[in-house]
PDB file of N, CA and C in Angstrom:
ATOM      1  N   UNK A   1     200.058 119.244 -32.095  1.00  0.00           N
ATOM      2  CA  UNK A   1     198.929 118.469 -32.564  1.00  0.00           C
ATOM      3  C   UNK A   1     198.888 118.560 -34.086  1.00  0.00           C
ATOM      4  N   UNK A   2     198.571 117.436 -34.697  1.00  0.00           N
ATOM      5  CA  UNK A   2     198.340 117.432 -36.145  1.00  0.00           C
ATOM      6  C   UNK A   2     197.381 116.294 -36.461  1.00  0.00           C
ATOM      7  N   UNK A   3     196.804 116.349 -37.653  1.00  0.00           N
ATOM      8  CA  UNK A   3     195.959 115.248 -38.105  1.00  0.00           C
ATOM      9  C   UNK A   3     196.865 114.066 -38.396  1.00  0.00           C
ATOM     10  N   UNK A   4     196.412 112.875 -38.055  1.00  0.00           N
ATOM     11  CA  UNK A   4     197.193 111.673 -38.305  1.00  0.00           C
ATOM     12  C   UNK A   4     197.366 111.475 -39.806  1.00  0.00           C
ATOM     13  N   UNK A   5     198.486 110.912 -40.191  1.00  0.00           N
ATOM     14  CA  UNK A   5     198.782 110.659 -41.602  1.00  0.00           C
ATOM     15  C   UNK A   5     197.876 109.575 -42.172  1.00  0.00           C
ATOM     16  N   UNK A   6     197.510 108.565 -41.354  1.00  0.00           N
ATOM     17  CA  UNK A   6     196.788 107.402 -41.855  1.00  0.00           C
ATOM     18  C   UNK A   6     195.328 107.314 -41.427  1.00  0.00           C
ATOM     19  N   UNK A   7     194.998 107.836 -40.264  1.00  0.00           N
ATOM     20  CA  UNK A   7     193.662 107.663 -39.698  1.00  0.00           C
ATOM     21  C   UNK A   7     192.958 109.013 -39.522  1.00  0.00           C
ATOM     22  N   UNK A   8     191.630 109.008 -39.459  1.00  0.00           N
ATOM     23  CA  UNK A   8     190.877 110.255 -39.274  1.00  0.00           C
ATOM     24  C   UNK A   8     190.831 110.671 -37.798  1.00  0.00           C
ATOM     25  N   UNK A   9     192.010 110.951 -37.245  1.00  0.00           N
ATOM     26  CA  UNK A   9     192.087 111.394 -35.852  1.00  0.00           C
ATOM     27  C   UNK A   9     193.186 112.446 -35.736  1.00  0.00           C
ATOM     28  N   UNK A  10     193.271 113.050 -34.560  1.00  0.00           N
ATOM     29  CA  UNK A  10     194.333 114.007 -34.268  1.00  0.00           C
ATOM     30  C   UNK A  10     195.366 113.317 -33.392  1.00  0.00           C
ATOM     31  N   UNK A  11     196.607 113.784 -33.470  1.00  0.00           N
ATOM     32  CA  UNK A  11     197.669 113.199 -32.662  1.00  0.00           C
ATOM     33  C   UNK A  11     198.357 114.310 -31.874  1.00  0.00           C
ATOM     34  N   UNK A  12     198.447 114.101 -30.565  1.00  0.00           N
ATOM     35  CA  UNK A  12     199.191 115.006 -29.699  1.00  0.00           C
ATOM     36  C   UNK A  12     200.587 114.433 -29.497  1.00  0.00           C
ATOM     37  N   UNK A  13     201.590 115.239 -29.794  1.00  0.00           N
ATOM     38  CA  UNK A  13     202.979 114.840 -29.636  1.00  0.00           C
ATOM     39  C   UNK A  13     203.608 115.654 -28.508  1.00  0.00           C
ATOM     40  N   UNK A  14     204.285 115.020 -27.559  1.00  0.00           N
ATOM     41  CA  UNK A  14     205.146 115.815 -26.682  1.00  0.00           C
ATOM     42  C   UNK A  14     206.213 116.470 -27.560  1.00  0.00           C
ATOM     43  N   UNK A  15     206.696 117.623 -27.170  1.00  0.00           N
ATOM     44  CA  UNK A  15     207.649 118.353 -28.006  1.00  0.00           C
ATOM     45  C   UNK A  15     208.868 117.507 -28.360  1.00  0.00           C
ATOM     46  N   UNK A  16     209.392 116.747 -27.419  1.00  0.00           N
ATOM     47  CA  UNK A  16     210.585 115.932 -27.698  1.00  0.00           C
ATOM     48  C   UNK A  16     210.294 114.859 -28.749  1.00  0.00           C
ATOM     49  N   UNK A  17     209.112 114.261 -28.685  1.00  0.00           N
ATOM     50  CA  UNK A  17     208.727 113.233 -29.661  1.00  0.00           C
ATOM     51  C   UNK A  17     208.519 113.868 -31.031  1.00  0.00           C
ATOM     52  N   UNK A  18     207.867 115.026 -31.054  1.00  0.00           N
ATOM     53  CA  UNK A  18     207.668 115.736 -32.321  1.00  0.00           C
ATOM     54  C   UNK A  18     209.016 116.047 -32.964  1.00  0.00           C
ATOM     55  N   UNK A  19     209.938 116.598 -32.191  1.00  0.00           N
ATOM     56  CA  UNK A  19     211.256 116.947 -32.729  1.00  0.00           C
ATOM     57  C   UNK A  19     211.977 115.718 -33.271  1.00  0.00           C
ATOM     58  N   UNK A  20     211.851 114.603 -32.581  1.00  0.00           N
ATOM     59  CA  UNK A  20     212.459 113.357 -33.046  1.00  0.00           C
ATOM     60  C   UNK A  20     211.838 112.905 -34.371  1.00  0.00           C
ATOM     61  N   UNK A  21     210.510 112.988 -34.469  1.00  0.00           N
ATOM     62  CA  UNK A  21     209.810 112.612 -35.706  1.00  0.00           C
ATOM     63  C   UNK A  21     210.268 113.488 -36.875  1.00  0.00           C
ATOM     64  N   UNK A  22     210.342 114.792 -36.635  1.00  0.00           N
ATOM     65  CA  UNK A  22     210.749 115.725 -37.691  1.00  0.00           C
ATOM     66  C   UNK A  22     212.194 115.455 -38.099  1.00  0.00           C
ATOM     67  N   UNK A  23     213.066 115.221 -37.127  1.00  0.00           N
ATOM     68  CA  UNK A  23     214.469 114.927 -37.440  1.00  0.00           C
ATOM     69  C   UNK A  23     214.592 113.639 -38.254  1.00  0.00           C
ATOM     70  N   UNK A  24     213.841 112.616 -37.889  1.00  0.00           N
ATOM     71  CA  UNK A  24     213.879 111.344 -38.617  1.00  0.00           C
ATOM     72  C   UNK A  24     213.404 111.543 -40.051  1.00  0.00           C
ATOM     73  N   UNK A  25     212.298 112.256 -40.212  1.00  0.00           N
ATOM     74  CA  UNK A  25     211.782 112.508 -41.556  1.00  0.00           C
ATOM     75  C   UNK A  25     212.789 113.312 -42.381  1.00  0.00           C
ATOM     76  N   UNK A  26     213.357 114.341 -41.786  1.00  0.00           N
ATOM     77  CA  UNK A  26     214.318 115.191 -42.503  1.00  0.00           C
ATOM     78  C   UNK A  26     215.521 114.366 -42.969  1.00  0.00           C
ATOM     79  N   UNK A  27     216.008 113.451 -42.120  1.00  0.00           N
ATOM     80  CA  UNK A  27     217.165 112.617 -42.506  1.00  0.00           C
ATOM     81  C   UNK A  27     216.838 111.706 -43.686  1.00  0.00           C
ATOM     82  N   UNK A  28     215.584 111.305 -43.812  1.00  0.00           N
ATOM     83  CA  UNK A  28     215.208 110.364 -44.876  1.00  0.00           C
ATOM     84  C   UNK A  28     214.863 111.062 -46.196  1.00  0.00           C
ATOM     85  N   UNK A  29     214.680 112.366 -46.152  1.00  0.00           N
ATOM     86  CA  UNK A  29     214.284 113.098 -47.353  1.00  0.00           C
ATOM     87  C   UNK A  29     215.450 113.890 -47.925  1.00  0.00           C
ATOM     88  N   UNK A  30     215.431 114.030 -49.236  1.00  0.00           N
ATOM     89  CA  UNK A  30     216.446 114.784 -49.960  1.00  0.00           C
ATOM     90  C   UNK A  30     215.978 116.231 -50.113  1.00  0.00           C
ATOM     91  N   UNK A  31     216.755 117.171 -49.602  1.00  0.00           N
ATOM     92  CA  UNK A  31     216.403 118.603 -49.714  1.00  0.00           C
ATOM     93  C   UNK A  31     216.327 119.074 -51.164  1.00  0.00           C
ATOM     94  N   UNK A  32     216.977 118.367 -52.054  1.00  0.00           N
ATOM     95  CA  UNK A  32     217.045 118.793 -53.446  1.00  0.00           C
ATOM     96  C   UNK A  32     216.061 118.052 -54.330  1.00  0.00           C
ATOM     97  N   UNK A  33     215.116 117.373 -53.708  1.00  0.00           N
ATOM     98  CA  UNK A  33     214.056 116.697 -54.446  1.00  0.00           C
ATOM     99  C   UNK A  33     212.754 117.425 -54.133  1.00  0.00           C
ATOM    100  N   UNK A  34     212.168 118.041 -55.165  1.00  0.00           N
ATOM    101  CA  UNK A  34     210.974 118.853 -54.965  1.00  0.00           C
ATOM    102  C   UNK A  34     209.807 118.098 -54.350  1.00  0.00           C
ATOM    103  N   UNK A  35     209.602 116.867 -54.774  1.00  0.00           N
ATOM    104  CA  UNK A  35     208.509 116.057 -54.255  1.00  0.00           C
ATOM    105  C   UNK A  35     208.711 115.756 -52.769  1.00  0.00           C
ATOM    106  N   UNK A  36     209.947 115.434 -52.398  1.00  0.00           N
ATOM    107  CA  UNK A  36     210.231 115.141 -51.003  1.00  0.00           C
ATOM    108  C   UNK A  36     210.147 116.394 -50.139  1.00  0.00           C
ATOM    109  N   UNK A  37     210.534 117.525 -50.705  1.00  0.00           N
ATOM    110  CA  UNK A  37     210.390 118.788 -49.975  1.00  0.00           C
ATOM    111  C   UNK A  37     208.915 119.096 -49.720  1.00  0.00           C
ATOM    112  N   UNK A  38     208.053 118.792 -50.691  1.00  0.00           N
ATOM    113  CA  UNK A  38     206.623 119.022 -50.508  1.00  0.00           C
ATOM    114  C   UNK A  38     206.068 118.134 -49.393  1.00  0.00           C
ATOM    115  N   UNK A  39     206.514 116.880 -49.336  1.00  0.00           N
ATOM    116  CA  UNK A  39     206.090 115.986 -48.253  1.00  0.00           C
ATOM    117  C   UNK A  39     206.474 116.561 -46.892  1.00  0.00           C
ATOM    118  N   UNK A  40     207.719 116.994 -46.780  1.00  0.00           N
ATOM    119  CA  UNK A  40     208.195 117.552 -45.517  1.00  0.00           C
ATOM    120  C   UNK A  40     207.397 118.805 -45.155  1.00  0.00           C
ATOM    121  N   UNK A  41     207.221 119.688 -46.130  1.00  0.00           N
ATOM    122  CA  UNK A  41     206.480 120.934 -45.918  1.00  0.00           C
ATOM    123  C   UNK A  41     205.067 120.649 -45.422  1.00  0.00           C
ATOM    124  N   UNK A  42     204.405 119.713 -46.056  1.00  0.00           N
ATOM    125  CA  UNK A  42     203.031 119.397 -45.670  1.00  0.00           C
ATOM    126  C   UNK A  42     202.981 118.779 -44.273  1.00  0.00           C
ATOM    127  N   UNK A  43     203.953 117.925 -43.959  1.00  0.00           N
ATOM    128  CA  UNK A  43     203.977 117.298 -42.639  1.00  0.00           C
ATOM    129  C   UNK A  43     204.151 118.339 -41.537  1.00  0.00           C
ATOM    130  N   UNK A  44     205.088 119.255 -41.703  1.00  0.00           N
ATOM    131  CA  UNK A  44     205.371 120.217 -40.632  1.00  0.00           C
ATOM    132  C   UNK A  44     204.448 121.428 -40.629  1.00  0.00           C
ATOM    133  N   UNK A  45     203.808 121.732 -41.735  1.00  0.00           N
ATOM    134  CA  UNK A  45     202.978 122.947 -41.776  1.00  0.00           C
ATOM    135  C   UNK A  45     201.585 122.728 -41.217  1.00  0.00           C
ATOM    136  N   UNK A  46     201.149 121.507 -41.107  1.00  0.00           N
ATOM    137  CA  UNK A  46     199.803 121.224 -40.621  1.00  0.00           C
ATOM    138  C   UNK A  46     199.821 120.895 -39.132  1.00  0.00           C
ATOM    139  N   UNK A  47     200.570 121.692 -38.370  1.00  0.00           N
ATOM    140  CA  UNK A  47     200.754 121.455 -36.937  1.00  0.00           C
ATOM    141  C   UNK A  47     200.226 122.641 -36.155  1.00  0.00           C
ATOM    142  N   UNK A  48     199.633 122.336 -35.023  1.00  0.00           N
ATOM    143  CA  UNK A  48     199.144 123.367 -34.110  1.00  0.00           C
ATOM    144  C   UNK A  48     199.818 123.150 -32.760  1.00  0.00           C
ATOM    145  N   UNK A  49     200.499 124.173 -32.260  1.00  0.00           N
ATOM    146  CA  UNK A  49     201.090 124.085 -30.932  1.00  0.00           C
ATOM    147  C   UNK A  49     199.971 124.256 -29.916  1.00  0.00           C
ATOM    148  N   UNK A  50     199.911 123.350 -28.954  1.00  0.00           N
ATOM    149  CA  UNK A  50     198.840 123.335 -27.968  1.00  0.00           C
ATOM    150  C   UNK A  50     199.402 123.748 -26.607  1.00  0.00           C
ATOM    151  N   UNK A  51     198.712 124.663 -25.972  1.00  0.00           N
ATOM    152  CA  UNK A  51     199.094 125.102 -24.627  1.00  0.00           C
ATOM    153  C   UNK A  51     197.939 124.841 -23.678  1.00  0.00           C
ATOM    154  N   UNK A  52     198.282 124.542 -22.440  1.00  0.00           N
ATOM    155  CA  UNK A  52     197.264 124.326 -21.426  1.00  0.00           C
ATOM    156  C   UNK A  52     196.870 125.655 -20.794  1.00  0.00           C
ATOM    157  N   UNK A  53     195.589 125.777 -20.450  1.00  0.00           N
ATOM    158  CA  UNK A  53     195.150 126.976 -19.748  1.00  0.00           C
ATOM    159  C   UNK A  53     195.415 126.802 -18.250  1.00  0.00           C
ATOM    160  N   UNK A  54     194.982 127.753 -17.459  1.00  0.00           N
ATOM    161  CA  UNK A  54     195.225 127.727 -16.017  1.00  0.00           C
ATOM    162  C   UNK A  54     194.615 126.535 -15.313  1.00  0.00           C
ATOM    163  N   UNK A  55     193.623 125.904 -15.926  1.00  0.00           N
ATOM    164  CA  UNK A  55     192.974 124.727 -15.342  1.00  0.00           C
ATOM    165  C   UNK A  55     193.485 123.412 -15.927  1.00  0.00           C
ATOM    166  N   UNK A  56     194.558 123.483 -16.725  1.00  0.00           N
ATOM    167  CA  UNK A  56     195.136 122.271 -17.298  1.00  0.00           C
ATOM    168  C   UNK A  56     194.384 121.738 -18.505  1.00  0.00           C
ATOM    169  N   UNK A  57     193.571 122.585 -19.138  1.00  0.00           N
ATOM    170  CA  UNK A  57     192.797 122.168 -20.316  1.00  0.00           C
ATOM    171  C   UNK A  57     193.437 122.752 -21.573  1.00  0.00           C
ATOM    172  N   UNK A  58     193.112 122.147 -22.698  1.00  0.00           N
ATOM    173  CA  UNK A  58     193.530 122.724 -23.973  1.00  0.00           C
ATOM    174  C   UNK A  58     192.339 122.737 -24.910  1.00  0.00           C
ATOM    175  N   UNK A  59     192.380 123.639 -25.836  1.00  0.00           N
ATOM    176  CA  UNK A  59     191.309 123.813 -26.808  1.00  0.00           C
ATOM    177  C   UNK A  59     191.716 123.158 -28.121  1.00  0.00           C
ATOM    178  N   UNK A  60     190.824 122.344 -28.670  1.00  0.00           N
ATOM    179  CA  UNK A  60     191.055 121.783 -30.003  1.00  0.00           C
ATOM    180  C   UNK A  60     190.471 122.782 -30.998  1.00  0.00           C
ATOM    181  N   UNK A  61     191.316 123.409 -31.816  1.00  0.00           N
ATOM    182  CA  UNK A  61     190.812 124.391 -32.771  1.00  0.00           C
ATOM    183  C   UNK A  61     189.720 123.802 -33.672  1.00  0.00           C
ATOM    184  N   UNK A  62     188.750 124.631 -34.030  1.00  0.00           N
ATOM    185  CA  UNK A  62     187.614 124.188 -34.854  1.00  0.00           C
ATOM    186  C   UNK A  62     188.081 123.516 -36.141  1.00  0.00           C
ATOM    187  N   UNK A  63     189.104 124.061 -36.764  1.00  0.00           N
ATOM    188  CA  UNK A  63     189.629 123.495 -38.011  1.00  0.00           C
ATOM    189  C   UNK A  63     190.033 122.030 -37.807  1.00  0.00           C
ATOM    190  N   UNK A  64     190.693 121.745 -36.705  1.00  0.00           N
ATOM    191  CA  UNK A  64     191.122 120.384 -36.421  1.00  0.00           C
ATOM    192  C   UNK A  64     189.940 119.500 -36.044  1.00  0.00           C
ATOM    193  N   UNK A  65     188.963 120.062 -35.365  1.00  0.00           N
ATOM    194  CA  UNK A  65     187.755 119.295 -35.066  1.00  0.00           C
ATOM    195  C   UNK A  65     187.101 118.845 -36.366  1.00  0.00           C
ATOM    196  N   UNK A  66     187.032 119.742 -37.337  1.00  0.00           N
ATOM    197  CA  UNK A  66     186.435 119.394 -38.643  1.00  0.00           C
ATOM    198  C   UNK A  66     187.278 118.341 -39.362  1.00  0.00           C
ATOM    199  N   UNK A  67     188.605 118.509 -39.353  1.00  0.00           N
ATOM    200  CA  UNK A  67     189.492 117.551 -40.037  1.00  0.00           C
ATOM    201  C   UNK A  67     189.298 116.131 -39.518  1.00  0.00           C
ATOM    202  N   UNK A  68     189.048 115.995 -38.211  1.00  0.00           N
ATOM    203  CA  UNK A  68     188.925 114.667 -37.609  1.00  0.00           C
ATOM    204  C   UNK A  68     187.474 114.274 -37.364  1.00  0.00           C
ATOM    205  N   UNK A  69     186.527 115.124 -37.771  1.00  0.00           N
ATOM    206  CA  UNK A  69     185.116 114.803 -37.567  1.00  0.00           C
ATOM    207  C   UNK A  69     184.735 114.723 -36.096  1.00  0.00           C
ATOM    208  N   UNK A  70     185.409 115.501 -35.262  1.00  0.00           N
ATOM    209  CA  UNK A  70     185.168 115.454 -33.824  1.00  0.00           C
ATOM    210  C   UNK A  70     184.000 116.367 -33.457  1.00  0.00           C
ATOM    211  N   UNK A  71     183.059 115.782 -32.705  1.00  0.00           N
ATOM    212  CA  UNK A  71     181.920 116.531 -32.196  1.00  0.00           C
ATOM    213  C   UNK A  71     181.959 116.557 -30.684  1.00  0.00           C
ATOM    214  N   UNK A  72     180.839 116.227 -30.061  1.00  0.00           N
ATOM    215  CA  UNK A  72     180.738 116.264 -28.604  1.00  0.00           C
ATOM    216  C   UNK A  72     181.418 115.068 -27.937  1.00  0.00           C
ATOM    217  N   UNK A  73     181.293 113.889 -28.529  1.00  0.00           N
ATOM    218  CA  UNK A  73     181.851 112.674 -27.924  1.00  0.00           C
ATOM    219  C   UNK A  73     183.254 112.439 -28.466  1.00  0.00           C
ATOM    220  N   UNK A  74     184.218 112.503 -27.555  1.00  0.00           N
ATOM    221  CA  UNK A  74     185.630 112.407 -27.916  1.00  0.00           C
ATOM    222  C   UNK A  74     186.256 111.231 -27.193  1.00  0.00           C
ATOM    223  N   UNK A  75     187.195 110.578 -27.862  1.00  0.00           N
ATOM    224  CA  UNK A  75     187.916 109.458 -27.264  1.00  0.00           C
ATOM    225  C   UNK A  75     189.413 109.754 -27.345  1.00  0.00           C
ATOM    226  N   UNK A  76     190.100 109.656 -26.205  1.00  0.00           N
ATOM    227  CA  UNK A  76     191.543 109.833 -26.140  1.00  0.00           C
ATOM    228  C   UNK A  76     192.175 108.451 -26.004  1.00  0.00           C
ATOM    229  N   UNK A  77     193.180 108.167 -26.828  1.00  0.00           N
ATOM    230  CA  UNK A  77     193.828 106.856 -26.798  1.00  0.00           C
ATOM    231  C   UNK A  77     195.342 107.058 -26.693  1.00  0.00           C
ATOM    232  N   UNK A  78     195.938 106.513 -25.639  1.00  0.00           N
ATOM    233  CA  UNK A  78     197.390 106.561 -25.487  1.00  0.00           C
ATOM    234  C   UNK A  78     198.031 105.583 -26.453  1.00  0.00           C
ATOM    235  N   UNK A  79     198.921 106.086 -27.280  1.00  0.00           N
ATOM    236  CA  UNK A  79     199.594 105.254 -28.284  1.00  0.00           C
ATOM    237  C   UNK A  79     201.115 105.393 -28.113  1.00  0.00           C
ATOM    238  N   UNK A  80     201.651 104.660 -27.129  1.00  0.00           N
ATOM    239  CA  UNK A  80     203.081 104.733 -26.804  1.00  0.00           C
ATOM    240  C   UNK A  80     203.456 106.155 -26.395  1.00  0.00           C
ATOM    241  N   UNK A  81     204.109 106.895 -27.295  1.00  0.00           N
ATOM    242  CA  UNK A  81     204.611 108.216 -26.944  1.00  0.00           C
ATOM    243  C   UNK A  81     203.759 109.361 -27.494  1.00  0.00           C
ATOM    244  N   UNK A  82     202.555 109.059 -27.964  1.00  0.00           N
ATOM    245  CA  UNK A  82     201.622 110.090 -28.427  1.00  0.00           C
ATOM    246  C   UNK A  82     200.221 109.778 -27.885  1.00  0.00           C
ATOM    247  N   UNK A  83     199.320 110.717 -28.070  1.00  0.00           N
ATOM    248  CA  UNK A  83     197.915 110.520 -27.708  1.00  0.00           C
ATOM    249  C   UNK A  83     197.070 110.824 -28.938  1.00  0.00           C
ATOM    250  N   UNK A  84     196.201 109.873 -29.294  1.00  0.00           N
ATOM    251  CA  UNK A  84     195.268 110.103 -30.401  1.00  0.00           C
ATOM    252  C   UNK A  84     193.961 110.651 -29.845  1.00  0.00           C
ATOM    253  N   UNK A  85     193.369 111.567 -30.597  1.00  0.00           N
ATOM    254  CA  UNK A  85     192.074 112.139 -30.240  1.00  0.00           C
ATOM    255  C   UNK A  85     191.110 111.810 -31.371  1.00  0.00           C
ATOM    256  N   UNK A  86     190.063 111.070 -31.038  1.00  0.00           N
ATOM    257  CA  UNK A  86     189.116 110.559 -32.024  1.00  0.00           C
ATOM    258  C   UNK A  86     187.709 111.071 -31.761  1.00  0.00           C
ATOM    259  N   UNK A  87     186.936 111.146 -32.819  1.00  0.00           N
ATOM    260  CA  UNK A  87     185.496 111.193 -32.690  1.00  0.00           C
ATOM    261  C   UNK A  87     185.119 109.811 -32.165  1.00  0.00           C
ATOM    262  N   UNK A  88     184.356 109.754 -31.074  1.00  0.00           N
ATOM    263  CA  UNK A  88     183.999 108.450 -30.491  1.00  0.00           C
ATOM    264  C   UNK A  88     183.283 107.576 -31.522  1.00  0.00           C
ATOM    265  N   UNK A  89     182.413 108.185 -32.308  1.00  0.00           N
ATOM    266  CA  UNK A  89     181.663 107.436 -33.327  1.00  0.00           C
ATOM    267  C   UNK A  89     182.594 106.876 -34.400  1.00  0.00           C
ATOM    268  N   UNK A  90     183.504 107.703 -34.875  1.00  0.00           N
ATOM    269  CA  UNK A  90     184.450 107.276 -35.917  1.00  0.00           C
ATOM    270  C   UNK A  90     185.346 106.149 -35.392  1.00  0.00           C
ATOM    271  N   UNK A  91     185.812 106.270 -34.171  1.00  0.00           N
ATOM    272  CA  UNK A  91     186.668 105.246 -33.582  1.00  0.00           C
ATOM    273  C   UNK A  91     185.920 103.916 -33.505  1.00  0.00           C
ATOM    274  N   UNK A  92     184.698 103.971 -33.034  1.00  0.00           N
ATOM    275  CA  UNK A  92     183.885 102.753 -32.902  1.00  0.00           C
ATOM    276  C   UNK A  92     183.670 102.097 -34.267  1.00  0.00           C
ATOM    277  N   UNK A  93     183.425 102.901 -35.278  1.00  0.00           N
ATOM    278  CA  UNK A  93     183.166 102.394 -36.618  1.00  0.00           C
ATOM    279  C   UNK A  93     184.391 101.685 -37.205  1.00  0.00           C
ATOM    280  N   UNK A  94     185.593 102.122 -36.838  1.00  0.00           N
ATOM    281  CA  UNK A  94     186.809 101.567 -37.414  1.00  0.00           C
ATOM    282  C   UNK A  94     187.397 100.406 -36.619  1.00  0.00           C
ATOM    283  N   UNK A  95     186.770 100.036 -35.501  1.00  0.00           N
ATOM    284  CA  UNK A  95     187.265  98.935 -34.681  1.00  0.00           C
ATOM    285  C   UNK A  95     187.071  97.593 -35.386  1.00  0.00           C
ATOM    286  N   UNK A  96     188.027  96.700 -35.161  1.00  0.00           N
ATOM    287  CA  UNK A  96     187.897  95.335 -35.664  1.00  0.00           C
ATOM    288  C   UNK A  96     186.853  94.593 -34.840  1.00  0.00           C
ATOM    289  N   UNK A  97     186.216  93.613 -35.442  1.00  0.00           N
ATOM    290  CA  UNK A  97     185.337  92.734 -34.682  1.00  0.00           C
ATOM    291  C   UNK A  97     186.164  91.905 -33.717  1.00  0.00           C
ATOM    292  N   UNK A  98     185.532  91.382 -32.668  1.00  0.00           N
ATOM    293  CA  UNK A  98     186.244  90.642 -31.629  1.00  0.00           C
ATOM    294  C   UNK A  98     187.021  89.451 -32.190  1.00  0.00           C
ATOM    295  N   UNK A  99     186.406  88.680 -33.082  1.00  0.00           N
ATOM    296  CA  UNK A  99     187.078  87.501 -33.639  1.00  0.00           C
ATOM    297  C   UNK A  99     188.262  87.885 -34.517  1.00  0.00           C
ATOM    298  N   UNK A 100     188.074  88.910 -35.344  1.00  0.00           N
ATOM    299  CA  UNK A 100     189.146  89.367 -36.218  1.00  0.00           C
ATOM    300  C   UNK A 100     190.305  89.915 -35.385  1.00  0.00           C
ATOM    301  N   UNK A 101     189.981  90.685 -34.352  1.00  0.00           N
ATOM    302  CA  UNK A 101     191.004  91.233 -33.469  1.00  0.00           C
ATOM    303  C   UNK A 101     191.802  90.096 -32.825  1.00  0.00           C
ATOM    304  N   UNK A 102     191.102  89.100 -32.286  1.00  0.00           N
ATOM    305  CA  UNK A 102     191.767  87.977 -31.616  1.00  0.00           C
ATOM    306  C   UNK A 102     192.670  87.204 -32.572  1.00  0.00           C
ATOM    307  N   UNK A 103     192.187  86.934 -33.777  1.00  0.00           N
ATOM    308  CA  UNK A 103     193.001  86.150 -34.710  1.00  0.00           C
ATOM    309  C   UNK A 103     194.221  86.944 -35.182  1.00  0.00           C
ATOM    310  N   UNK A 104     194.067  88.243 -35.378  1.00  0.00           N
ATOM    311  CA  UNK A 104     195.211  89.052 -35.799  1.00  0.00           C
ATOM    312  C   UNK A 104     196.247  89.172 -34.683  1.00  0.00           C
ATOM    313  N   UNK A 105     195.774  89.303 -33.441  1.00  0.00           N
ATOM    314  CA  UNK A 105     196.696  89.357 -32.303  1.00  0.00           C
ATOM    315  C   UNK A 105     197.439  88.027 -32.166  1.00  0.00           C
ATOM    316  N   UNK A 106     196.716  86.935 -32.326  1.00  0.00           N
ATOM    317  CA  UNK A 106     197.335  85.610 -32.231  1.00  0.00           C
ATOM    318  C   UNK A 106     198.413  85.461 -33.300  1.00  0.00           C
ATOM    319  N   UNK A 107     198.102  85.888 -34.510  1.00  0.00           N
ATOM    320  CA  UNK A 107     199.065  85.784 -35.608  1.00  0.00           C
ATOM    321  C   UNK A 107     200.323  86.580 -35.305  1.00  0.00           C
ATOM    322  N   UNK A 108     200.172  87.797 -34.847  1.00  0.00           N
ATOM    323  CA  UNK A 108     201.327  88.656 -34.568  1.00  0.00           C
ATOM    324  C   UNK A 108     202.119  88.156 -33.372  1.00  0.00           C
ATOM    325  N   UNK A 109     201.427  87.790 -32.316  1.00  0.00           N
ATOM    326  CA  UNK A 109     202.108  87.422 -31.075  1.00  0.00           C
ATOM    327  C   UNK A 109     202.695  86.017 -31.113  1.00  0.00           C
ATOM    328  N   UNK A 110     202.269  85.178 -32.062  1.00  0.00           N
ATOM    329  CA  UNK A 110     202.812  83.816 -32.129  1.00  0.00           C
ATOM    330  C   UNK A 110     204.099  83.740 -32.938  1.00  0.00           C
ATOM    331  N   UNK A 111     204.478  84.841 -33.601  1.00  0.00           N
ATOM    332  CA  UNK A 111     205.756  84.847 -34.301  1.00  0.00           C
ATOM    333  C   UNK A 111     206.873  84.736 -33.290  1.00  0.00           C
ATOM    334  N   UNK A 112     207.892  83.993 -33.636  1.00  0.00           N
ATOM    335  CA  UNK A 112     209.034  83.898 -32.706  1.00  0.00           C
ATOM    336  C   UNK A 112     209.726  85.256 -32.637  1.00  0.00           C
ATOM    337  N   UNK A 113     210.220  85.560 -31.459  1.00  0.00           N
ATOM    338  CA  UNK A 113     210.899  86.845 -31.255  1.00  0.00           C
ATOM    339  C   UNK A 113     212.277  86.813 -31.904  1.00  0.00           C
ATOM    340  N   UNK A 114     212.727  87.986 -32.372  1.00  0.00           N
ATOM    341  CA  UNK A 114     214.046  88.048 -33.028  1.00  0.00           C
ATOM    342  C   UNK A 114     215.179  87.760 -32.070  1.00  0.00           C
TER     343      UNK A 114
END
């Protein structure tokens, strides 16, 4: 689990997906560039390994709850190969309006396929 790079939410990665993400990032960064090393360090150091308890539950550490503004109402969203964990209020606030959502979907989906 780590805080999302772009949005105020947490992201749960299956281990295989996490390893793939880290490998992809490492291939794109130069080990001998200090700025790029800092990016890599920050990406991998802000991670929490999550384990399930005997009842199949996991605990979101308080630090991560604060980072994502998560309180009592939580929203889980499946995003392909990861799961986002949002404050329900924050998620609702960042949603597009119905008309804007429809027009943006139409624009994207009407492009001819490659």
